[in-house]
């Protein structure tokens, strides 16, 4: 699976990004993949390659580029629960500094870069994300309704986007939540808001999961839940980006 590193010129500097590309020489639909707070690292590269193997040009930007190239903080090979607490203590100031304004300004640039690649189709595209990346995915989809056909978020604080943003979603949606991230009552409230907005969506708690369940390099990893994530994500992309 061909891969490459890109440097994306933004209004605030150079954002490094990882791209995974199908190797058949054709143009393929683009998927913008936002990492979790730990950023681009081997497990994210592997997930991008897996997705590209299904026929998508996958772009994974380092959305913390203002603080340096990925990884912006030193990460252990396996992120235990104890290590996570220490690492997140260093990452939280970066997450808090990543304002909505920065998110939307960067999203414009990332989408332009993605669709300008010679191996990528001009659009529409999908956006997917993990943890904080899922919130960035929702905000990107809301800001680009004519371009983003699908959005997915996994163990993501999507409710933080706010009801006004959720009401403006026009993309098809899948949210996969961790059991430890929200209660069934909060899930019902979220889904009621999506219903009221007329969003075409699926949204569910994945069984036996804790926050971060898709990430194989963390204590939270759940292989069955990772497979369930693919079982939802791939059909979503197939429905919305097929033959593009």
Foldseek 3Di string as FASTA:
>chain_A
DDKDWDWFDAPQGTKIKIKAADDPPAAFAEEEEEEALQFDDVQVNVVRNVVNPLTYIYIYIRLLPNQHYPPSDDDDQFQEPVNVVVVVVVRVVSVVVCDLVSLQRVLVRVLVVRLPDPRYPVAQHAYEYEACSLCSRLSSQLVCVPRHQEYEYECYPNCVNDLVSLLSHPHEYEYEHECASDDPVVQVVVVVSNVVSVHNYYYDYDPPFDGPQLGPRYPRHDVVVVVVVCVPVVVSCCVRGPPD
